[in-house]
Amino acid sequence: MLGNILITGGASGLGRATAEAVAKAGGRPLVVDVNAPDSGVDHAIADLADRAQAERAVAELAERAGGIDGVFTAAGIDACGRLSDVAADRWERVIAVNLLGTASVVRAALPHLRRPKGRVVTVASTLGLRAVSDATAYCAAKFGVVGFTRALAAELAGEVGVTLLVPGGMHTHFFDDRDEQYKPGPDARLNDPEEVAATVVFALTRPPGCELRELVVCSSTETSWP
């Protein structure tokens, strides 16, 4: 049984696809996003760069649903460009949302997850394992998510399940606001977010004592993997 699954960034992209997959599998998605989802799913509005907002959203949804059985941290942003060209506030916001927001949500959810021996699935990126130019903020945040998740898995072993998801590029709106030079080219092979969401549901439904520690899910021709 999936139970109540809190999903950050659940109004769009991979988060939305996972909310739909959770619902289809019999679970109850609880979405945290800066935007209200158009699907009518239970949600709370929060900017994950603000720890107080993140904590409030988790507490609100946990109370409304009667608990949290799993967490999926899909919320993420980027700021492409050379370090000297990206405004400091934009650069730091990527760290605040992608890394600190992940930690804030997981920390707030832990008291709810320990009782049912629930599960956490975090979202890194292939660029959390392989660095490229003009992506210092995104790589720093996602490398951080990798380290955070691996340490969390060691810390919570036997108490809460922890899985690190490393996805490649997907057909979502994530790339829409980028300058043209930073968008996938016309021949780029990207995964459908629904396929990645299916692996998230698989991770969330492993029986107690069975740990799926790390997952890489990408197109067979993903240029950033291996």
C-alpha atoms as a PDB file:
ATOM      1  CA  MET A   1       0.000   0.000   0.000  1.00  0.00           C
ATOM      2  CA  LEU A   2       1.280   3.444  -0.931  1.00  0.00           C
ATOM      3  CA  GLY A   3      -0.670   5.492   1.602  1.00  0.00           C
ATOM      4  CA  ASN A   4      -0.176   9.266   1.746  1.00  0.00           C
ATOM      5  CA  ILE A   5       2.713  10.419  -0.449  1.00  0.00           C
ATOM      6  CA  LEU A   6       3.942  14.004  -0.175  1.00  0.00           C
ATOM      7  CA  ILE A   7       5.308  15.243  -3.508  1.00  0.00           C
ATOM      8  CA  THR A   8       7.179  18.518  -3.923  1.00  0.00           C
ATOM      9  CA  GLY A   9       6.934  20.152  -7.323  1.00  0.00           C
ATOM     10  CA  GLY A  10       3.807  18.098  -7.899  1.00  0.00           C
ATOM     11  CA  ALA A  11       2.003  20.663 -10.051  1.00  0.00           C
ATOM     12  CA  SER A  12       4.121  20.022 -13.150  1.00  0.00           C
ATOM     13  CA  GLY A  13       6.719  17.824 -14.814  1.00  0.00           C
ATOM     14  CA  LEU A  14       7.974  14.740 -13.031  1.00  0.00           C
ATOM     15  CA  GLY A  15       6.187  15.717  -9.831  1.00  0.00           C
ATOM     16  CA  ARG A  16       2.835  15.864 -11.565  1.00  0.00           C
ATOM     17  CA  ALA A  17       3.459  12.586 -13.393  1.00  0.00           C
ATOM     18  CA  THR A  18       4.317  10.960 -10.061  1.00  0.00           C
ATOM     19  CA  ALA A  19       1.207  12.368  -8.364  1.00  0.00           C
ATOM     20  CA  GLU A  20      -0.875  10.808 -11.118  1.00  0.00           C
ATOM     21  CA  ALA A  21       1.005   7.501 -10.846  1.00  0.00           C
ATOM     22  CA  VAL A  22       0.553   7.426  -7.071  1.00  0.00           C
ATOM     23  CA  ALA A  23      -3.184   8.029  -7.424  1.00  0.00           C
ATOM     24  CA  LYS A  24      -3.506   5.294 -10.051  1.00  0.00           C
ATOM     25  CA  ALA A  25      -1.658   2.882  -7.751  1.00  0.00           C
ATOM     26  CA  GLY A  26      -4.131   3.526  -4.944  1.00  0.00           C
ATOM     27  CA  GLY A  27      -2.172   6.091  -2.947  1.00  0.00           C
ATOM     28  CA  ARG A  28      -3.066   9.637  -1.974  1.00  0.00           C
ATOM     29  CA  PRO A  29      -0.786  12.318  -3.448  1.00  0.00           C
ATOM     30  CA  LEU A  30      -0.198  15.408  -1.306  1.00  0.00           C
ATOM     31  CA  VAL A  31       1.386  18.140  -3.407  1.00  0.00           C
ATOM     32  CA  VAL A  32       3.635  20.995  -2.293  1.00  0.00           C
ATOM     33  CA  ASP A  33       4.314  23.562  -5.017  1.00  0.00           C
ATOM     34  CA  VAL A  34       4.613  27.296  -5.644  1.00  0.00           C
ATOM     35  CA  ASN A  35       1.672  26.889  -8.017  1.00  0.00           C
ATOM     36  CA  ALA A  36      -1.671  25.217  -7.429  1.00  0.00           C
ATOM     37  CA  PRO A  37      -2.030  21.967  -9.431  1.00  0.00           C
ATOM     38  CA  ASP A  38      -4.821  22.049 -12.003  1.00  0.00           C
ATOM     39  CA  SER A  39      -5.767  18.440 -11.299  1.00  0.00           C
ATOM     40  CA  GLY A  40      -7.609  19.208  -8.054  1.00  0.00           C
ATOM     41  CA  VAL A  41      -5.206  17.069  -6.018  1.00  0.00           C
ATOM     42  CA  ASP A  42      -4.805  17.890  -2.319  1.00  0.00           C
ATOM     43  CA  HIS A  43      -2.052  20.496  -2.030  1.00  0.00           C
ATOM     44  CA  ALA A  44      -0.345  23.282  -0.094  1.00  0.00           C
ATOM     45  CA  ILE A  45       1.327  26.326  -1.650  1.00  0.00           C
ATOM     46  CA  ALA A  46       4.906  26.950  -0.530  1.00  0.00           C
ATOM     47  CA  ASP A  47       8.190  28.380  -1.756  1.00  0.00           C
ATOM     48  CA  LEU A  48      10.735  25.743  -0.769  1.00  0.00           C
ATOM     49  CA  ALA A  49      13.479  28.357  -0.632  1.00  0.00           C
ATOM     50  CA  ASP A  50      11.754  29.484   2.571  1.00  0.00           C
ATOM     51  CA  ARG A  51      12.216  26.865   5.303  1.00  0.00           C
ATOM     52  CA  ALA A  52       9.256  28.133   7.322  1.00  0.00           C
ATOM     53  CA  GLN A  53       6.953  27.787   4.317  1.00  0.00           C
ATOM     54  CA  ALA A  54       8.239  24.274   3.632  1.00  0.00           C
ATOM     55  CA  GLU A  55       7.691  23.199   7.231  1.00  0.00           C
ATOM     56  CA  ARG A  56       4.217  24.740   7.316  1.00  0.00           C
ATOM     57  CA  ALA A  57       3.197  22.953   4.113  1.00  0.00           C
ATOM     58  CA  VAL A  58       4.340  19.567   5.417  1.00  0.00           C
ATOM     59  CA  ALA A  59       2.562  20.060   8.742  1.00  0.00           C
ATOM     60  CA  GLU A  60      -0.625  21.238   7.035  1.00  0.00           C
ATOM     61  CA  LEU A  61      -0.818  18.292   4.646  1.00  0.00           C
ATOM     62  CA  ALA A  62       0.114  15.761   7.323  1.00  0.00           C
ATOM     63  CA  GLU A  63      -2.690  17.019   9.551  1.00  0.00           C
ATOM     64  CA  ARG A  64      -5.187  17.110   6.715  1.00  0.00           C
ATOM     65  CA  ALA A  65      -4.359  13.582   5.521  1.00  0.00           C
ATOM     66  CA  GLY A  66      -3.823  12.016   8.921  1.00  0.00           C
ATOM     67  CA  GLY A  67      -0.136  11.300   8.358  1.00  0.00           C
ATOM     68  CA  ILE A  68       2.556  10.888   5.697  1.00  0.00           C
ATOM     69  CA  ASP A  69       3.805   7.497   4.494  1.00  0.00           C
ATOM     70  CA  GLY A  70       6.282   8.624   1.851  1.00  0.00           C
ATOM     71  CA  VAL A  71       8.027  11.704   0.443  1.00  0.00           C
ATOM     72  CA  PHE A  72       9.155  12.416  -3.108  1.00  0.00           C
ATOM     73  CA  THR A  73      11.193  15.607  -3.606  1.00  0.00           C
ATOM     74  CA  ALA A  74      10.741  16.507  -7.273  1.00  0.00           C
ATOM     75  CA  ALA A  75      10.812  20.314  -6.983  1.00  0.00           C
ATOM     76  CA  GLY A  76      13.759  21.829  -8.810  1.00  0.00           C
ATOM     77  CA  ILE A  77      14.946  24.901 -10.724  1.00  0.00           C
ATOM     78  CA  ASP A  78      18.125  25.946 -12.500  1.00  0.00           C
ATOM     79  CA  ALA A  79      20.048  29.062 -13.543  1.00  0.00           C
ATOM     80  CA  CYS A  80      22.203  28.378 -16.587  1.00  0.00           C
ATOM     81  CA  GLY A  81      25.265  30.437 -17.398  1.00  0.00           C
ATOM     82  CA  ARG A  82      28.843  31.065 -16.370  1.00  0.00           C
ATOM     83  CA  LEU A  83      29.346  31.729 -12.668  1.00  0.00           C
ATOM     84  CA  SER A  84      30.397  35.326 -13.378  1.00  0.00           C
ATOM     85  CA  ASP A  85      27.272  35.932 -15.473  1.00  0.00           C
ATOM     86  CA  VAL A  86      24.551  34.506 -13.213  1.00  0.00           C
ATOM     87  CA  ALA A  87      23.266  36.959 -10.611  1.00  0.00           C
ATOM     88  CA  ALA A  88      24.155  35.827  -7.094  1.00  0.00           C
ATOM     89  CA  ASP A  89      20.550  35.798  -5.905  1.00  0.00           C
ATOM     90  CA  ARG A  90      19.509  33.564  -8.817  1.00  0.00           C
ATOM     91  CA  TRP A  91      22.470  31.240  -8.209  1.00  0.00           C
ATOM     92  CA  GLU A  92      21.734  30.947  -4.507  1.00  0.00           C
ATOM     93  CA  ARG A  93      18.027  30.355  -5.093  1.00  0.00           C
ATOM     94  CA  VAL A  94      18.887  27.185  -7.026  1.00  0.00           C
ATOM     95  CA  ILE A  95      20.728  25.894  -3.953  1.00  0.00           C
ATOM     96  CA  ALA A  96      17.905  27.026  -1.674  1.00  0.00           C
ATOM     97  CA  VAL A  97      15.160  25.255  -3.624  1.00  0.00           C
ATOM     98  CA  ASN A  98      16.939  22.147  -4.874  1.00  0.00           C
ATOM     99  CA  LEU A  99      19.123  21.272  -1.893  1.00  0.00           C
ATOM    100  CA  LEU A 100      17.974  23.161   1.201  1.00  0.00           C
ATOM    101  CA  GLY A 101      14.319  22.761   0.239  1.00  0.00           C
ATOM    102  CA  THR A 102      14.813  19.012  -0.077  1.00  0.00           C
ATOM    103  CA  ALA A 103      16.388  18.859   3.373  1.00  0.00           C
ATOM    104  CA  SER A 104      13.695  21.065   4.921  1.00  0.00           C
ATOM    105  CA  VAL A 105      10.851  18.919   3.615  1.00  0.00           C
ATOM    106  CA  VAL A 106      12.477  15.643   4.632  1.00  0.00           C
ATOM    107  CA  ARG A 107      13.334  16.984   8.088  1.00  0.00           C
ATOM    108  CA  ALA A 108       9.751  18.164   8.636  1.00  0.00           C
ATOM    109  CA  ALA A 109       8.317  14.858   7.422  1.00  0.00           C
ATOM    110  CA  LEU A 110      10.569  12.550   9.463  1.00  0.00           C
ATOM    111  CA  PRO A 111       8.390  12.417  12.613  1.00  0.00           C
ATOM    112  CA  HIS A 112       5.505  11.201  10.435  1.00  0.00           C
ATOM    113  CA  LEU A 113       7.629   8.705   8.477  1.00  0.00           C
ATOM    114  CA  ARG A 114       9.208   6.901  11.419  1.00  0.00           C
ATOM    115  CA  ARG A 115       5.978   5.381  12.762  1.00  0.00           C
ATOM    116  CA  PRO A 116       4.954   3.567   9.562  1.00  0.00           C
ATOM    117  CA  LYS A 117       8.609   3.021   8.526  1.00  0.00           C
ATOM    118  CA  GLY A 118       7.870   5.118   5.489  1.00  0.00           C
ATOM    119  CA  ARG A 119      10.063   6.012   2.529  1.00  0.00           C
ATOM    120  CA  VAL A 120      11.868   8.996   1.063  1.00  0.00           C
ATOM    121  CA  VAL A 121      12.810   9.294  -2.617  1.00  0.00           C
ATOM    122  CA  THR A 122      14.972  12.295  -3.471  1.00  0.00           C
ATOM    123  CA  VAL A 123      15.667  13.635  -6.950  1.00  0.00           C
ATOM    124  CA  ALA A 124      19.228  14.377  -8.016  1.00  0.00           C
ATOM    125  CA  SER A 125      20.236  14.410 -11.693  1.00  0.00           C
ATOM    126  CA  THR A 126      22.814  12.909 -13.980  1.00  0.00           C
ATOM    127  CA  LEU A 127      24.420  16.337 -13.447  1.00  0.00           C
ATOM    128  CA  GLY A 128      24.686  15.429  -9.793  1.00  0.00           C
ATOM    129  CA  LEU A 129      27.256  12.838 -10.853  1.00  0.00           C
ATOM    130  CA  ARG A 130      28.842  14.476 -13.885  1.00  0.00           C
ATOM    131  CA  ALA A 131      29.665  18.185 -13.983  1.00  0.00           C
ATOM    132  CA  VAL A 132      29.402  20.425 -17.057  1.00  0.00           C
ATOM    133  CA  SER A 133      30.209  24.047 -17.790  1.00  0.00           C
ATOM    134  CA  ASP A 134      27.624  26.795 -17.267  1.00  0.00           C
ATOM    135  CA  ALA A 135      25.787  24.743 -14.635  1.00  0.00           C
ATOM    136  CA  THR A 136      27.625  25.521 -11.403  1.00  0.00           C
ATOM    137  CA  ALA A 137      24.458  26.233  -9.405  1.00  0.00           C
ATOM    138  CA  TYR A 138      22.555  23.186 -10.628  1.00  0.00           C
ATOM    139  CA  CYS A 139      25.529  20.837 -10.299  1.00  0.00           C
ATOM    140  CA  ALA A 140      26.356  22.148  -6.822  1.00  0.00           C
ATOM    141  CA  ALA A 141      22.754  21.614  -5.703  1.00  0.00           C
ATOM    142  CA  LYS A 142      22.370  18.160  -7.221  1.00  0.00           C
ATOM    143  CA  PHE A 143      25.806  16.940  -6.094  1.00  0.00           C
ATOM    144  CA  GLY A 144      24.608  18.097  -2.685  1.00  0.00           C
ATOM    145  CA  VAL A 145      21.403  16.085  -2.982  1.00  0.00           C
ATOM    146  CA  VAL A 146      23.479  12.993  -3.779  1.00  0.00           C
ATOM    147  CA  GLY A 147      25.625  13.452  -0.675  1.00  0.00           C
ATOM    148  CA  PHE A 148      22.652  14.355   1.501  1.00  0.00           C
ATOM    149  CA  THR A 149      20.694  11.282   0.395  1.00  0.00           C
ATOM    150  CA  ARG A 150      23.559   8.836   0.816  1.00  0.00           C
ATOM    151  CA  ALA A 151      24.237  10.154   4.320  1.00  0.00           C
ATOM    152  CA  LEU A 152      20.509  10.082   5.119  1.00  0.00           C
ATOM    153  CA  ALA A 153      20.278   6.453   4.021  1.00  0.00           C
ATOM    154  CA  ALA A 154      23.082   5.546   6.435  1.00  0.00           C
ATOM    155  CA  GLU A 155      21.497   7.590   9.217  1.00  0.00           C
ATOM    156  CA  LEU A 156      17.988   6.132   8.853  1.00  0.00           C
ATOM    157  CA  ALA A 157      18.891   2.521   8.023  1.00  0.00           C
ATOM    158  CA  GLY A 158      16.251   0.252   9.500  1.00  0.00           C
ATOM    159  CA  GLU A 159      13.965   3.184  10.360  1.00  0.00           C
ATOM    160  CA  VAL A 160      12.960   4.903   7.096  1.00  0.00           C
ATOM    161  CA  GLY A 161      13.633   3.737   3.549  1.00  0.00           C
ATOM    162  CA  VAL A 162      15.741   6.120   1.448  1.00  0.00           C
ATOM    163  CA  THR A 163      16.177   6.035  -2.335  1.00  0.00           C
ATOM    164  CA  LEU A 164      18.208   8.368  -4.541  1.00  0.00           C
ATOM    165  CA  LEU A 165      16.679   8.901  -7.992  1.00  0.00           C
ATOM    166  CA  VAL A 166      19.075  10.097 -10.714  1.00  0.00           C
ATOM    167  CA  PRO A 167      17.033  11.017 -13.797  1.00  0.00           C
ATOM    168  CA  GLY A 168      18.290  12.168 -17.155  1.00  0.00           C
ATOM    169  CA  GLY A 169      16.510  14.735 -19.304  1.00  0.00           C
ATOM    170  CA  MET A 170      12.737  14.448 -19.655  1.00  0.00           C
ATOM    171  CA  HIS A 171       9.986  15.874 -21.854  1.00  0.00           C
ATOM    172  CA  THR A 172       8.784  18.534 -19.391  1.00  0.00           C
ATOM    173  CA  HIS A 173       8.573  22.334 -19.221  1.00  0.00           C
ATOM    174  CA  PHE A 174      11.826  22.419 -17.228  1.00  0.00           C
ATOM    175  CA  PHE A 175      13.762  23.706 -20.229  1.00  0.00           C
ATOM    176  CA  ASP A 176      11.196  26.274 -21.428  1.00  0.00           C
ATOM    177  CA  ASP A 177      12.651  29.385 -19.774  1.00  0.00           C
ATOM    178  CA  ARG A 178      16.251  28.700 -20.734  1.00  0.00           C
ATOM    179  CA  ASP A 179      18.158  30.674 -23.336  1.00  0.00           C
ATOM    180  CA  GLU A 180      18.143  28.788 -26.621  1.00  0.00           C
ATOM    181  CA  GLN A 181      21.764  27.652 -26.244  1.00  0.00           C
ATOM    182  CA  TYR A 182      20.850  25.750 -23.063  1.00  0.00           C
ATOM    183  CA  LYS A 183      17.809  23.938 -24.408  1.00  0.00           C
ATOM    184  CA  PRO A 184      18.008  20.329 -25.665  1.00  0.00           C
ATOM    185  CA  GLY A 185      18.685  20.217 -29.387  1.00  0.00           C
ATOM    186  CA  PRO A 186      16.123  18.960 -31.916  1.00  0.00           C
ATOM    187  CA  ASP A 187      17.758  15.524 -31.980  1.00  0.00           C
ATOM    188  CA  ALA A 188      17.951  15.142 -28.182  1.00  0.00           C
ATOM    189  CA  ARG A 189      16.403  11.942 -26.848  1.00  0.00           C
ATOM    190  CA  LEU A 190      14.487  12.606 -23.654  1.00  0.00           C
ATOM    191  CA  ASN A 191      12.495  10.299 -21.404  1.00  0.00           C
ATOM    192  CA  ASP A 192       8.781  10.601 -20.781  1.00  0.00           C
ATOM    193  CA  PRO A 193       8.216  11.668 -17.153  1.00  0.00           C
ATOM    194  CA  GLU A 194       5.564   8.941 -16.828  1.00  0.00           C
ATOM    195  CA  GLU A 195       8.262   6.285 -17.257  1.00  0.00           C
ATOM    196  CA  VAL A 196      10.374   7.850 -14.518  1.00  0.00           C
ATOM    197  CA  ALA A 197       7.313   8.228 -12.268  1.00  0.00           C
ATOM    198  CA  ALA A 198       6.698   4.491 -12.564  1.00  0.00           C
ATOM    199  CA  THR A 199      10.127   3.830 -11.043  1.00  0.00           C
ATOM    200  CA  VAL A 200       9.296   6.169  -8.162  1.00  0.00           C
ATOM    201  CA  VAL A 201       6.147   4.188  -7.375  1.00  0.00           C
ATOM    202  CA  PHE A 202       8.218   0.999  -7.549  1.00  0.00           C
ATOM    203  CA  ALA A 203      10.697   2.412  -5.017  1.00  0.00           C
ATOM    204  CA  LEU A 204       7.926   3.594  -2.706  1.00  0.00           C
ATOM    205  CA  THR A 205       6.256   0.190  -2.678  1.00  0.00           C
ATOM    206  CA  ARG A 206       9.222  -1.996  -1.711  1.00  0.00           C
ATOM    207  CA  PRO A 207       8.427  -4.112   1.365  1.00  0.00           C
ATOM    208  CA  PRO A 208      10.031  -3.286   4.722  1.00  0.00           C
ATOM    209  CA  GLY A 209      13.635  -4.445   4.841  1.00  0.00           C
ATOM    210  CA  CYS A 210      14.110  -4.250   1.072  1.00  0.00           C
ATOM    211  CA  GLU A 211      16.009  -1.130   0.078  1.00  0.00           C
ATOM    212  CA  LEU A 212      16.331   0.311  -3.403  1.00  0.00           C
ATOM    213  CA  ARG A 213      19.201   2.665  -2.648  1.00  0.00           C
ATOM    214  CA  GLU A 214      19.872   4.330  -6.004  1.00  0.00           C
ATOM    215  CA  LEU A 215      18.174   4.489  -9.403  1.00  0.00           C
ATOM    216  CA  VAL A 216      19.475   5.971 -12.655  1.00  0.00           C
ATOM    217  CA  VAL A 217      16.670   6.405 -15.193  1.00  0.00           C
ATOM    218  CA  CYS A 218      17.541   7.999 -18.521  1.00  0.00           C
ATOM    219  CA  SER A 219      17.222   7.701 -22.258  1.00  0.00           C
ATOM    220  CA  SER A 220      19.463   5.042 -23.778  1.00  0.00           C
ATOM    221  CA  THR A 221      21.322   7.849 -25.597  1.00  0.00           C
ATOM    222  CA  GLU A 222      21.507  10.284 -22.665  1.00  0.00           C
ATOM    223  CA  THR A 223      24.628  12.388 -23.273  1.00  0.00           C
ATOM    224  CA  SER A 224      25.252  13.091 -19.577  1.00  0.00           C
ATOM    225  CA  TRP A 225      25.330   9.390 -18.658  1.00  0.00           C
ATOM    226  CA  PRO A 226      27.642   7.653 -18.007  1.00  0.00           C
END
